Amino acid sequence: MLSLQAPAKLNLGLRIVGVRDDGNHELESVFAPLELQDRVDLEIEPAQIPGVRLELRSDDPEVPEGPENLAARAAHAFLEAAALRLRVRIRLAKSIPAGAGLGGGSSDAGAVLRGLRELYPAAVPDLPRLALGLGADVPYFLDPRPAFVTGIGERCEPLPGLSAFWLVLLLPREKLATAAVYRAWDAECDGLTPRSA
């Protein structure tokens, strides 16, 4: 069994610099990982028919339990890209709250991809591209350390000089989906943000 940490992340500032033709938002941000984290355990065994089983431990009923969970989707995507005949069992213990902008689902997916890359290092040569297909934040969680982030979140430049610091994390009572937040921003700032290809 392989055990991995899936840390939450905080955006230390976020600036939208453009909107792509596909509707994705170009941004500039600094991402910093937090000590708050989920735990991901992977068990792998050979199988004639590849498959993924997710065992979720969470107090939040809004965290998906089935194949739509990002951790399960990440494992499926890796197996398909690598053409591996494996059965992947994921034990996911959630501590990162959903809908708080902390990247919990993306971090879980990144941890699954990191673990499978560790076990099968040559199986998927372009893991960042595979990660981006799962979500804009997932590439960051392939190497979750302080970083200057651009593009739609897929371009990450490490910031080794960022020191550790204390913070107080307050969670809103109302959960917010990232897509809904961007839609609200678009409605407020229509015509003020340049389009980009």
N, C-alpha and C. Protein backbone atom coordinates (compact mmCIF):
# COMPACT_ATOMS: atom_id res chain seq x y z
N MET A 1 0.84 -1.19 0.00
CA MET A 1 0.00 0.00 0.00
C MET A 1 0.88 1.24 0.00
N LEU A 2 0.47 2.24 -0.76
CA LEU A 2 1.19 3.51 -0.84
C LEU A 2 0.30 4.59 -0.22
N SER A 3 0.82 5.31 0.77
CA SER A 3 0.07 6.37 1.43
C SER A 3 0.62 7.73 1.00
N LEU A 4 -0.29 8.65 0.70
CA LEU A 4 0.10 9.97 0.22
C LEU A 4 -0.68 11.05 0.95
N GLN A 5 -0.05 12.21 1.09
CA GLN A 5 -0.70 13.38 1.63
C GLN A 5 -1.24 14.23 0.49
N ALA A 6 -2.44 14.75 0.68
CA ALA A 6 -3.06 15.62 -0.32
C ALA A 6 -3.37 16.94 0.36
N PRO A 7 -2.45 17.92 0.31
CA PRO A 7 -2.63 19.15 1.07
C PRO A 7 -3.65 20.09 0.43
N ALA A 8 -4.32 20.87 1.28
CA ALA A 8 -5.11 21.99 0.79
C ALA A 8 -4.15 23.07 0.29
N LYS A 9 -4.69 24.00 -0.50
CA LYS A 9 -3.87 25.14 -0.93
C LYS A 9 -4.67 26.42 -0.75
N LEU A 10 -3.91 27.51 -0.60
CA LEU A 10 -4.50 28.82 -0.46
C LEU A 10 -3.99 29.70 -1.60
N ASN A 11 -4.88 30.50 -2.17
CA ASN A 11 -4.48 31.50 -3.16
C ASN A 11 -4.07 32.75 -2.40
N LEU A 12 -2.81 33.11 -2.47
CA LEU A 12 -2.34 34.34 -1.83
C LEU A 12 -2.48 35.47 -2.85
N GLY A 13 -3.71 35.86 -3.09
CA GLY A 13 -4.01 36.84 -4.14
C GLY A 13 -4.37 36.11 -5.42
N LEU A 14 -5.28 36.70 -6.17
CA LEU A 14 -5.71 36.11 -7.44
C LEU A 14 -6.12 37.25 -8.36
N ARG A 15 -5.51 37.29 -9.54
CA ARG A 15 -5.84 38.33 -10.52
C ARG A 15 -6.23 37.67 -11.82
N ILE A 16 -7.39 38.01 -12.33
CA ILE A 16 -7.82 37.50 -13.63
C ILE A 16 -7.30 38.46 -14.69
N VAL A 17 -6.55 37.95 -15.65
CA VAL A 17 -5.90 38.80 -16.66
C VAL A 17 -6.49 38.61 -18.05
N GLY A 18 -7.39 37.66 -18.22
CA GLY A 18 -8.00 37.44 -19.52
C GLY A 18 -8.97 36.28 -19.49
N VAL A 19 -9.79 36.20 -20.52
CA VAL A 19 -10.73 35.10 -20.67
C VAL A 19 -10.49 34.47 -22.03
N ARG A 20 -10.25 33.17 -22.05
CA ARG A 20 -10.00 32.47 -23.30
C ARG A 20 -11.29 32.27 -24.08
N ASP A 21 -11.14 31.96 -25.36
CA ASP A 21 -12.31 31.73 -26.20
C ASP A 21 -13.15 30.56 -25.70
N ASP A 22 -12.51 29.62 -25.00
CA ASP A 22 -13.26 28.47 -24.48
C ASP A 22 -13.94 28.80 -23.14
N GLY A 23 -13.83 30.06 -22.69
CA GLY A 23 -14.47 30.47 -21.45
C GLY A 23 -13.61 30.34 -20.21
N ASN A 24 -12.45 29.68 -20.32
CA ASN A 24 -11.55 29.56 -19.17
C ASN A 24 -10.88 30.90 -18.88
N HIS A 25 -10.62 31.15 -17.61
CA HIS A 25 -10.05 32.42 -17.17
C HIS A 25 -8.54 32.31 -17.00
N GLU A 26 -7.82 33.23 -17.64
CA GLU A 26 -6.37 33.35 -17.43
C GLU A 26 -6.15 34.08 -16.11
N LEU A 27 -5.21 33.59 -15.32
CA LEU A 27 -5.02 34.18 -14.00
C LEU A 27 -3.54 34.32 -13.65
N GLU A 28 -3.31 35.10 -12.63
CA GLU A 28 -2.02 35.17 -11.96
C GLU A 28 -2.29 35.01 -10.47
N SER A 29 -1.57 34.11 -9.83
CA SER A 29 -1.81 33.86 -8.43
C SER A 29 -0.56 33.26 -7.79
N VAL A 30 -0.51 33.29 -6.50
CA VAL A 30 0.49 32.54 -5.74
C VAL A 30 -0.27 31.48 -4.95
N PHE A 31 0.09 30.22 -5.19
CA PHE A 31 -0.51 29.10 -4.47
C PHE A 31 0.45 28.68 -3.36
N ALA A 32 -0.11 28.44 -2.19
CA ALA A 32 0.69 27.94 -1.07
C ALA A 32 -0.01 26.75 -0.44
N PRO A 33 0.69 25.63 -0.25
CA PRO A 33 0.08 24.46 0.39
C PRO A 33 -0.10 24.70 1.88
N LEU A 34 -1.12 24.08 2.46
CA LEU A 34 -1.40 24.19 3.89
C LEU A 34 -1.12 22.86 4.59
N GLU A 35 -1.01 22.91 5.91
CA GLU A 35 -0.85 21.67 6.67
C GLU A 35 -2.14 20.86 6.67
N LEU A 36 -3.27 21.52 6.49
CA LEU A 36 -4.56 20.82 6.37
C LEU A 36 -4.50 19.91 5.15
N GLN A 37 -4.82 18.64 5.32
CA GLN A 37 -4.66 17.70 4.21
C GLN A 37 -5.60 16.52 4.30
N ASP A 38 -5.86 15.95 3.14
CA ASP A 38 -6.53 14.65 3.05
C ASP A 38 -5.47 13.57 3.02
N ARG A 39 -5.91 12.33 3.25
CA ARG A 39 -4.99 11.19 3.14
C ARG A 39 -5.51 10.27 2.06
N VAL A 40 -4.58 9.85 1.18
CA VAL A 40 -4.91 8.97 0.07
C VAL A 40 -4.04 7.72 0.18
N ASP A 41 -4.68 6.55 0.31
CA ASP A 41 -3.98 5.27 0.30
C ASP A 41 -4.31 4.53 -0.99
N LEU A 42 -3.29 4.02 -1.66
CA LEU A 42 -3.48 3.28 -2.91
C LEU A 42 -3.05 1.83 -2.74
N GLU A 43 -3.88 0.94 -3.20
CA GLU A 43 -3.53 -0.48 -3.30
C GLU A 43 -3.73 -0.89 -4.75
N ILE A 44 -2.73 -1.56 -5.31
CA ILE A 44 -2.75 -1.92 -6.73
C ILE A 44 -2.59 -3.42 -6.87
N GLU A 45 -3.35 -4.01 -7.78
CA GLU A 45 -3.16 -5.42 -8.11
C GLU A 45 -3.47 -5.64 -9.59
N PRO A 46 -2.80 -6.63 -10.19
CA PRO A 46 -3.08 -6.92 -11.61
C PRO A 46 -4.53 -7.37 -11.80
N ALA A 47 -5.08 -7.09 -12.96
CA ALA A 47 -6.47 -7.47 -13.25
C ALA A 47 -6.65 -7.62 -14.75
N GLN A 48 -7.47 -8.56 -15.16
CA GLN A 48 -7.78 -8.70 -16.58
C GLN A 48 -8.57 -7.50 -17.08
N ILE A 49 -9.48 -7.03 -16.24
CA ILE A 49 -10.28 -5.85 -16.59
C ILE A 49 -9.89 -4.74 -15.63
N PRO A 50 -9.32 -3.63 -16.13
CA PRO A 50 -8.92 -2.53 -15.24
C PRO A 50 -10.13 -1.97 -14.50
N GLY A 51 -9.89 -1.52 -13.29
CA GLY A 51 -10.98 -0.95 -12.51
C GLY A 51 -10.47 -0.10 -11.36
N VAL A 52 -11.35 0.74 -10.85
CA VAL A 52 -11.02 1.63 -9.74
C VAL A 52 -12.13 1.51 -8.69
N ARG A 53 -11.72 1.32 -7.45
CA ARG A 53 -12.67 1.27 -6.34
C ARG A 53 -12.30 2.36 -5.35
N LEU A 54 -13.27 3.21 -5.01
CA LEU A 54 -13.04 4.30 -4.07
C LEU A 54 -13.74 3.99 -2.75
N GLU A 55 -12.99 4.07 -1.66
CA GLU A 55 -13.55 3.95 -0.31
C GLU A 55 -13.37 5.30 0.36
N LEU A 56 -14.47 6.00 0.55
CA LEU A 56 -14.44 7.37 1.04
C LEU A 56 -14.80 7.45 2.51
N ARG A 57 -13.99 8.19 3.26
CA ARG A 57 -14.32 8.51 4.65
C ARG A 57 -14.43 10.02 4.76
N SER A 58 -15.67 10.49 4.90
CA SER A 58 -15.91 11.93 4.92
C SER A 58 -17.19 12.22 5.70
N ASP A 59 -17.18 13.35 6.41
CA ASP A 59 -18.38 13.80 7.12
C ASP A 59 -19.23 14.71 6.25
N ASP A 60 -18.74 15.01 5.06
CA ASP A 60 -19.43 15.95 4.17
C ASP A 60 -20.23 15.18 3.13
N PRO A 61 -21.55 15.26 3.17
CA PRO A 61 -22.36 14.51 2.21
C PRO A 61 -22.23 15.02 0.77
N GLU A 62 -21.62 16.20 0.58
CA GLU A 62 -21.48 16.74 -0.76
C GLU A 62 -20.23 16.23 -1.49
N VAL A 63 -19.37 15.52 -0.79
CA VAL A 63 -18.19 14.94 -1.46
C VAL A 63 -18.65 13.72 -2.25
N PRO A 64 -18.40 13.69 -3.56
CA PRO A 64 -18.86 12.55 -4.38
C PRO A 64 -18.22 11.24 -3.93
N GLU A 65 -19.05 10.19 -3.89
CA GLU A 65 -18.57 8.88 -3.45
C GLU A 65 -18.25 7.94 -4.60
N GLY A 66 -18.76 8.21 -5.77
CA GLY A 66 -18.65 7.28 -6.88
C GLY A 66 -17.57 7.65 -7.88
N PRO A 67 -17.73 7.19 -9.13
CA PRO A 67 -16.72 7.42 -10.15
C PRO A 67 -16.55 8.88 -10.54
N GLU A 68 -17.50 9.76 -10.12
CA GLU A 68 -17.35 11.18 -10.43
C GLU A 68 -16.38 11.89 -9.47
N ASN A 69 -15.98 11.23 -8.39
CA ASN A 69 -14.99 11.79 -7.49
C ASN A 69 -13.67 11.97 -8.26
N LEU A 70 -13.02 13.13 -8.07
CA LEU A 70 -11.81 13.43 -8.84
C LEU A 70 -10.69 12.43 -8.61
N ALA A 71 -10.59 11.88 -7.42
CA ALA A 71 -9.55 10.88 -7.15
C ALA A 71 -9.78 9.64 -8.01
N ALA A 72 -11.03 9.19 -8.09
CA ALA A 72 -11.35 8.03 -8.92
C ALA A 72 -11.15 8.35 -10.40
N ARG A 73 -11.57 9.55 -10.82
CA ARG A 73 -11.39 9.96 -12.22
C ARG A 73 -9.91 10.00 -12.59
N ALA A 74 -9.07 10.45 -11.65
CA ALA A 74 -7.63 10.50 -11.91
C ALA A 74 -7.06 9.11 -12.15
N ALA A 75 -7.47 8.16 -11.31
CA ALA A 75 -6.98 6.78 -11.48
C ALA A 75 -7.45 6.20 -12.80
N HIS A 76 -8.73 6.40 -13.15
CA HIS A 76 -9.24 5.92 -14.43
C HIS A 76 -8.45 6.52 -15.59
N ALA A 77 -8.20 7.83 -15.53
CA ALA A 77 -7.49 8.51 -16.61
C ALA A 77 -6.07 7.98 -16.76
N PHE A 78 -5.40 7.71 -15.63
CA PHE A 78 -4.03 7.18 -15.68
C PHE A 78 -4.02 5.79 -16.30
N LEU A 79 -4.93 4.93 -15.84
CA LEU A 79 -4.98 3.57 -16.38
C LEU A 79 -5.24 3.57 -17.88
N GLU A 80 -6.15 4.44 -18.31
CA GLU A 80 -6.48 4.50 -19.74
C GLU A 80 -5.32 5.03 -20.55
N ALA A 81 -4.66 6.10 -20.06
CA ALA A 81 -3.54 6.69 -20.80
C ALA A 81 -2.36 5.73 -20.87
N ALA A 82 -2.16 4.94 -19.81
CA ALA A 82 -1.02 4.03 -19.75
C ALA A 82 -1.34 2.64 -20.30
N ALA A 83 -2.62 2.38 -20.59
CA ALA A 83 -3.05 1.05 -21.05
C ALA A 83 -2.59 -0.03 -20.07
N LEU A 84 -2.79 0.24 -18.78
CA LEU A 84 -2.40 -0.72 -17.74
C LEU A 84 -3.61 -1.53 -17.30
N ARG A 85 -3.42 -2.84 -17.14
CA ARG A 85 -4.48 -3.71 -16.63
C ARG A 85 -4.28 -3.90 -15.13
N LEU A 86 -4.86 -2.98 -14.40
CA LEU A 86 -4.70 -2.97 -12.95
C LEU A 86 -6.04 -2.70 -12.29
N ARG A 87 -6.14 -3.15 -11.06
CA ARG A 87 -7.26 -2.77 -10.21
C ARG A 87 -6.70 -1.84 -9.14
N VAL A 88 -7.23 -0.63 -9.08
CA VAL A 88 -6.74 0.38 -8.14
C VAL A 88 -7.80 0.57 -7.05
N ARG A 89 -7.37 0.39 -5.81
CA ARG A 89 -8.25 0.63 -4.67
C ARG A 89 -7.77 1.90 -3.98
N ILE A 90 -8.65 2.90 -3.86
CA ILE A 90 -8.32 4.17 -3.25
C ILE A 90 -9.07 4.30 -1.94
N ARG A 91 -8.33 4.48 -0.86
CA ARG A 91 -8.93 4.84 0.42
C ARG A 91 -8.68 6.32 0.62
N LEU A 92 -9.76 7.10 0.65
CA LEU A 92 -9.66 8.54 0.74
C LEU A 92 -10.29 9.03 2.04
N ALA A 93 -9.46 9.60 2.91
CA ALA A 93 -9.93 10.16 4.18
C ALA A 93 -9.91 11.69 4.05
N LYS A 94 -11.11 12.30 4.04
CA LYS A 94 -11.24 13.73 3.79
C LYS A 94 -11.14 14.53 5.09
N SER A 95 -10.31 15.57 5.05
CA SER A 95 -10.26 16.59 6.09
C SER A 95 -10.47 17.98 5.51
N ILE A 96 -10.16 18.15 4.22
CA ILE A 96 -10.32 19.44 3.55
C ILE A 96 -11.80 19.65 3.23
N PRO A 97 -12.39 20.73 3.70
CA PRO A 97 -13.81 20.95 3.42
C PRO A 97 -14.06 21.25 1.94
N ALA A 98 -15.17 20.75 1.44
CA ALA A 98 -15.55 21.00 0.04
C ALA A 98 -16.16 22.39 -0.08
N GLY A 99 -16.03 22.98 -1.27
CA GLY A 99 -16.67 24.25 -1.55
C GLY A 99 -16.06 25.44 -0.84
N ALA A 100 -14.81 25.31 -0.40
CA ALA A 100 -14.15 26.39 0.33
C ALA A 100 -13.01 27.02 -0.46
N GLY A 101 -12.80 26.59 -1.70
CA GLY A 101 -11.74 27.14 -2.53
C GLY A 101 -10.35 26.68 -2.14
N LEU A 102 -10.27 25.56 -1.44
CA LEU A 102 -8.98 25.06 -0.95
C LEU A 102 -8.39 23.95 -1.82
N GLY A 103 -9.09 23.58 -2.89
CA GLY A 103 -8.54 22.62 -3.84
C GLY A 103 -8.54 21.18 -3.38
N GLY A 104 -9.44 20.81 -2.48
CA GLY A 104 -9.41 19.45 -1.92
C GLY A 104 -9.54 18.36 -2.95
N GLY A 105 -10.54 18.46 -3.84
CA GLY A 105 -10.72 17.43 -4.86
C GLY A 105 -9.55 17.38 -5.82
N SER A 106 -9.05 18.55 -6.21
CA SER A 106 -7.89 18.60 -7.11
C SER A 106 -6.65 18.01 -6.46
N SER A 107 -6.50 18.27 -5.15
CA SER A 107 -5.35 17.72 -4.43
C SER A 107 -5.43 16.20 -4.35
N ASP A 108 -6.63 15.67 -4.11
CA ASP A 108 -6.81 14.22 -4.08
C ASP A 108 -6.42 13.61 -5.42
N ALA A 109 -6.87 14.25 -6.51
CA ALA A 109 -6.53 13.76 -7.85
C ALA A 109 -5.03 13.82 -8.08
N GLY A 110 -4.41 14.94 -7.68
CA GLY A 110 -2.96 15.06 -7.83
C GLY A 110 -2.21 14.00 -7.05
N ALA A 111 -2.69 13.69 -5.84
CA ALA A 111 -2.03 12.66 -5.03
C ALA A 111 -2.13 11.29 -5.70
N VAL A 112 -3.30 10.98 -6.25
CA VAL A 112 -3.46 9.70 -6.97
C VAL A 112 -2.49 9.63 -8.14
N LEU A 113 -2.40 10.71 -8.92
CA LEU A 113 -1.49 10.71 -10.06
C LEU A 113 -0.03 10.62 -9.61
N ARG A 114 0.34 11.31 -8.54
CA ARG A 114 1.71 11.21 -8.02
C ARG A 114 2.02 9.79 -7.59
N GLY A 115 1.06 9.16 -6.91
CA GLY A 115 1.29 7.80 -6.45
C GLY A 115 1.44 6.82 -7.60
N LEU A 116 0.58 6.93 -8.59
CA LEU A 116 0.68 6.02 -9.74
C LEU A 116 1.95 6.28 -10.54
N ARG A 117 2.37 7.55 -10.63
CA ARG A 117 3.64 7.84 -11.30
C ARG A 117 4.81 7.23 -10.54
N GLU A 118 4.74 7.26 -9.21
CA GLU A 118 5.81 6.66 -8.40
C GLU A 118 5.90 5.15 -8.64
N LEU A 119 4.75 4.52 -8.77
CA LEU A 119 4.72 3.07 -8.98
C LEU A 119 5.03 2.69 -10.43
N TYR A 120 4.63 3.54 -11.38
CA TYR A 120 4.80 3.25 -12.81
C TYR A 120 5.37 4.50 -13.48
N PRO A 121 6.67 4.80 -13.24
CA PRO A 121 7.24 6.09 -13.63
C PRO A 121 7.26 6.38 -15.13
N ALA A 122 7.29 5.36 -15.96
CA ALA A 122 7.37 5.60 -17.41
C ALA A 122 6.03 5.43 -18.11
N ALA A 123 4.98 5.18 -17.35
CA ALA A 123 3.70 4.80 -17.97
C ALA A 123 3.03 5.95 -18.71
N VAL A 124 3.09 7.16 -18.15
CA VAL A 124 2.45 8.33 -18.77
C VAL A 124 3.49 9.44 -18.87
N PRO A 125 4.11 9.61 -20.05
CA PRO A 125 5.18 10.60 -20.19
C PRO A 125 4.73 12.04 -19.90
N ASP A 126 3.52 12.41 -20.28
CA ASP A 126 3.05 13.78 -20.12
C ASP A 126 1.97 13.85 -19.04
N LEU A 127 2.39 13.65 -17.80
CA LEU A 127 1.44 13.64 -16.69
C LEU A 127 0.77 15.00 -16.47
N PRO A 128 1.49 16.14 -16.63
CA PRO A 128 0.81 17.43 -16.46
C PRO A 128 -0.36 17.63 -17.41
N ARG A 129 -0.24 17.16 -18.65
CA ARG A 129 -1.35 17.29 -19.59
C ARG A 129 -2.54 16.43 -19.15
N LEU A 130 -2.24 15.24 -18.67
CA LEU A 130 -3.31 14.37 -18.15
C LEU A 130 -3.99 15.04 -16.95
N ALA A 131 -3.18 15.64 -16.07
CA ALA A 131 -3.73 16.32 -14.90
C ALA A 131 -4.62 17.49 -15.31
N LEU A 132 -4.20 18.26 -16.29
CA LEU A 132 -4.98 19.42 -16.74
C LEU A 132 -6.33 18.99 -17.29
N GLY A 133 -6.40 17.81 -17.90
CA GLY A 133 -7.67 17.31 -18.41
C GLY A 133 -8.67 17.03 -17.30
N LEU A 134 -8.18 16.89 -16.07
CA LEU A 134 -9.06 16.65 -14.93
C LEU A 134 -9.53 17.94 -14.26
N GLY A 135 -8.74 18.99 -14.39
CA GLY A 135 -9.10 20.27 -13.77
C GLY A 135 -7.92 21.21 -13.77
N ALA A 136 -8.19 22.51 -13.79
CA ALA A 136 -7.14 23.51 -13.92
C ALA A 136 -6.15 23.51 -12.75
N ASP A 137 -6.61 23.16 -11.54
CA ASP A 137 -5.72 23.15 -10.37
C ASP A 137 -4.93 21.86 -10.21
N VAL A 138 -5.33 20.81 -10.90
CA VAL A 138 -4.71 19.50 -10.65
C VAL A 138 -3.21 19.49 -10.98
N PRO A 139 -2.73 20.15 -12.08
CA PRO A 139 -1.28 20.14 -12.32
C PRO A 139 -0.46 20.68 -11.15
N TYR A 140 -0.97 21.69 -10.45
CA TYR A 140 -0.24 22.22 -9.29
C TYR A 140 0.00 21.14 -8.25
N PHE A 141 -0.97 20.26 -8.06
CA PHE A 141 -0.86 19.26 -6.99
C PHE A 141 0.00 18.06 -7.38
N LEU A 142 0.59 18.08 -8.57
CA LEU A 142 1.61 17.09 -8.90
C LEU A 142 2.90 17.39 -8.12
N ASP A 143 3.06 18.65 -7.71
CA ASP A 143 4.23 19.07 -6.93
C ASP A 143 3.79 20.23 -6.03
N PRO A 144 3.00 19.95 -4.99
CA PRO A 144 2.37 21.03 -4.22
C PRO A 144 3.33 21.74 -3.26
N ARG A 145 3.93 22.79 -3.77
CA ARG A 145 4.78 23.66 -2.95
C ARG A 145 4.50 25.10 -3.39
N PRO A 146 4.96 26.09 -2.65
CA PRO A 146 4.66 27.47 -3.04
C PRO A 146 5.06 27.74 -4.49
N ALA A 147 4.16 28.38 -5.24
CA ALA A 147 4.40 28.58 -6.67
C ALA A 147 3.66 29.81 -7.18
N PHE A 148 4.25 30.46 -8.18
CA PHE A 148 3.57 31.51 -8.94
C PHE A 148 2.86 30.80 -10.08
N VAL A 149 1.55 31.00 -10.16
CA VAL A 149 0.72 30.22 -11.06
C VAL A 149 0.10 31.14 -12.11
N THR A 150 0.19 30.72 -13.38
CA THR A 150 -0.39 31.49 -14.48
C THR A 150 -1.14 30.54 -15.41
N GLY A 151 -1.57 31.07 -16.57
CA GLY A 151 -2.42 30.31 -17.47
C GLY A 151 -3.79 30.17 -16.82
N ILE A 152 -4.40 29.00 -16.93
CA ILE A 152 -5.66 28.76 -16.23
C ILE A 152 -5.39 28.04 -14.90
N GLY A 153 -4.11 27.96 -14.56
CA GLY A 153 -3.68 27.31 -13.34
C GLY A 153 -2.67 26.21 -13.59
N GLU A 154 -2.37 25.97 -14.88
CA GLU A 154 -1.51 24.83 -15.23
C GLU A 154 -0.02 25.17 -15.27
N ARG A 155 0.33 26.45 -15.32
CA ARG A 155 1.75 26.84 -15.36
C ARG A 155 2.18 27.27 -13.96
N CYS A 156 3.09 26.49 -13.39
CA CYS A 156 3.48 26.69 -11.99
C CYS A 156 4.99 26.87 -11.90
N GLU A 157 5.40 28.03 -11.40
CA GLU A 157 6.82 28.32 -11.21
C GLU A 157 7.12 28.33 -9.71
N PRO A 158 7.95 27.41 -9.22
CA PRO A 158 8.20 27.33 -7.77
C PRO A 158 8.71 28.64 -7.19
N LEU A 159 8.30 28.93 -5.96
CA LEU A 159 8.75 30.11 -5.21
C LEU A 159 9.48 29.63 -3.96
N PRO A 160 10.77 29.27 -4.09
CA PRO A 160 11.47 28.69 -2.94
C PRO A 160 11.67 29.68 -1.80
N GLY A 161 11.55 30.98 -2.04
CA GLY A 161 11.81 31.96 -0.99
C GLY A 161 10.62 32.26 -0.10
N LEU A 162 9.48 31.64 -0.36
CA LEU A 162 8.29 31.92 0.45
C LEU A 162 8.40 31.16 1.78
N SER A 163 8.48 31.92 2.87
CA SER A 163 8.66 31.31 4.19
C SER A 163 7.33 30.80 4.74
N ALA A 164 7.42 29.85 5.65
CA ALA A 164 6.22 29.36 6.33
C ALA A 164 5.66 30.47 7.23
N PHE A 165 4.35 30.47 7.39
CA PHE A 165 3.71 31.48 8.22
C PHE A 165 2.42 30.92 8.81
N TRP A 166 1.95 31.56 9.88
CA TRP A 166 0.70 31.18 10.52
C TRP A 166 -0.45 31.94 9.88
N LEU A 167 -1.60 31.32 9.84
CA LEU A 167 -2.79 32.02 9.37
C LEU A 167 -4.02 31.46 10.05
N VAL A 168 -5.07 32.24 10.05
CA VAL A 168 -6.37 31.80 10.55
C VAL A 168 -7.25 31.56 9.35
N LEU A 169 -7.79 30.37 9.24
CA LEU A 169 -8.62 29.99 8.10
C LEU A 169 -10.08 29.97 8.54
N LEU A 170 -10.87 30.85 7.95
CA LEU A 170 -12.30 30.92 8.25
C LEU A 170 -13.08 30.41 7.06
N LEU A 171 -14.00 29.50 7.30
CA LEU A 171 -14.77 28.91 6.21
C LEU A 171 -16.15 29.54 6.16
N PRO A 172 -16.60 29.92 4.96
CA PRO A 172 -17.95 30.50 4.86
C PRO A 172 -19.02 29.45 5.12
N ARG A 173 -20.15 29.89 5.63
CA ARG A 173 -21.25 28.95 5.85
C ARG A 173 -21.80 28.44 4.52
N GLU A 174 -21.81 29.33 3.53
CA GLU A 174 -22.31 28.96 2.21
C GLU A 174 -21.16 28.46 1.35
N LYS A 175 -21.30 27.26 0.81
CA LYS A 175 -20.26 26.71 -0.05
C LYS A 175 -20.39 27.31 -1.45
N LEU A 176 -19.25 27.48 -2.10
CA LEU A 176 -19.22 28.11 -3.41
C LEU A 176 -18.51 27.20 -4.40
N ALA A 177 -19.15 26.96 -5.54
CA ALA A 177 -18.51 26.21 -6.62
C ALA A 177 -17.66 27.17 -7.44
N THR A 178 -16.48 26.72 -7.84
CA THR A 178 -15.56 27.58 -8.59
C THR A 178 -16.21 28.13 -9.85
N ALA A 179 -16.92 27.28 -10.60
CA ALA A 179 -17.56 27.73 -11.84
C ALA A 179 -18.57 28.83 -11.57
N ALA A 180 -19.32 28.72 -10.48
CA ALA A 180 -20.31 29.74 -10.13
C ALA A 180 -19.64 31.06 -9.77
N VAL A 181 -18.50 31.00 -9.08
CA VAL A 181 -17.77 32.21 -8.72
C VAL A 181 -17.29 32.92 -9.98
N TYR A 182 -16.74 32.17 -10.93
CA TYR A 182 -16.28 32.79 -12.18
C TYR A 182 -17.44 33.36 -12.98
N ARG A 183 -18.58 32.69 -12.98
CA ARG A 183 -19.75 33.23 -13.69
C ARG A 183 -20.19 34.55 -13.07
N ALA A 184 -20.19 34.62 -11.76
CA ALA A 184 -20.55 35.86 -11.09
C ALA A 184 -19.55 36.97 -11.41
N TRP A 185 -18.28 36.61 -11.46
CA TRP A 185 -17.25 37.59 -11.81
C TRP A 185 -17.47 38.08 -13.24
N ASP A 186 -17.76 37.16 -14.17
CA ASP A 186 -18.02 37.55 -15.56
C ASP A 186 -19.19 38.53 -15.65
N ALA A 187 -20.25 38.26 -14.88
CA ALA A 187 -21.44 39.11 -14.93
C ALA A 187 -21.12 40.52 -14.43
N GLU A 188 -20.23 40.62 -13.43
CA GLU A 188 -19.87 41.94 -12.88
C GLU A 188 -18.90 42.68 -13.77
N CYS A 189 -18.03 41.95 -14.45
CA CYS A 189 -16.90 42.58 -15.17
C CYS A 189 -17.01 42.39 -16.68
N ASP A 190 -18.19 42.14 -17.20
CA ASP A 190 -18.39 41.94 -18.63
C ASP A 190 -17.83 43.13 -19.42
N GLY A 191 -16.93 42.82 -20.37
CA GLY A 191 -16.36 43.85 -21.21
C GLY A 191 -15.11 44.50 -20.63
N LEU A 192 -14.78 44.23 -19.37
CA LEU A 192 -13.62 44.86 -18.75
C LEU A 192 -12.36 44.01 -18.84
N THR A 193 -12.53 42.71 -19.15
CA THR A 193 -11.39 41.80 -19.20
C THR A 193 -11.09 41.41 -20.64
N PRO A 194 -9.85 41.51 -21.07
CA PRO A 194 -9.52 41.17 -22.46
C PRO A 194 -9.73 39.69 -22.76
N ARG A 195 -10.12 39.40 -23.99
CA ARG A 195 -10.22 38.01 -24.45
C ARG A 195 -8.84 37.55 -24.89
N SER A 196 -8.55 36.29 -24.69
CA SER A 196 -7.29 35.72 -25.15
C SER A 196 -7.57 34.40 -25.82
N ALA A 197 -6.65 34.02 -26.73
CA ALA A 197 -6.87 32.78 -27.50
C ALA A 197 -6.64 31.58 -26.63
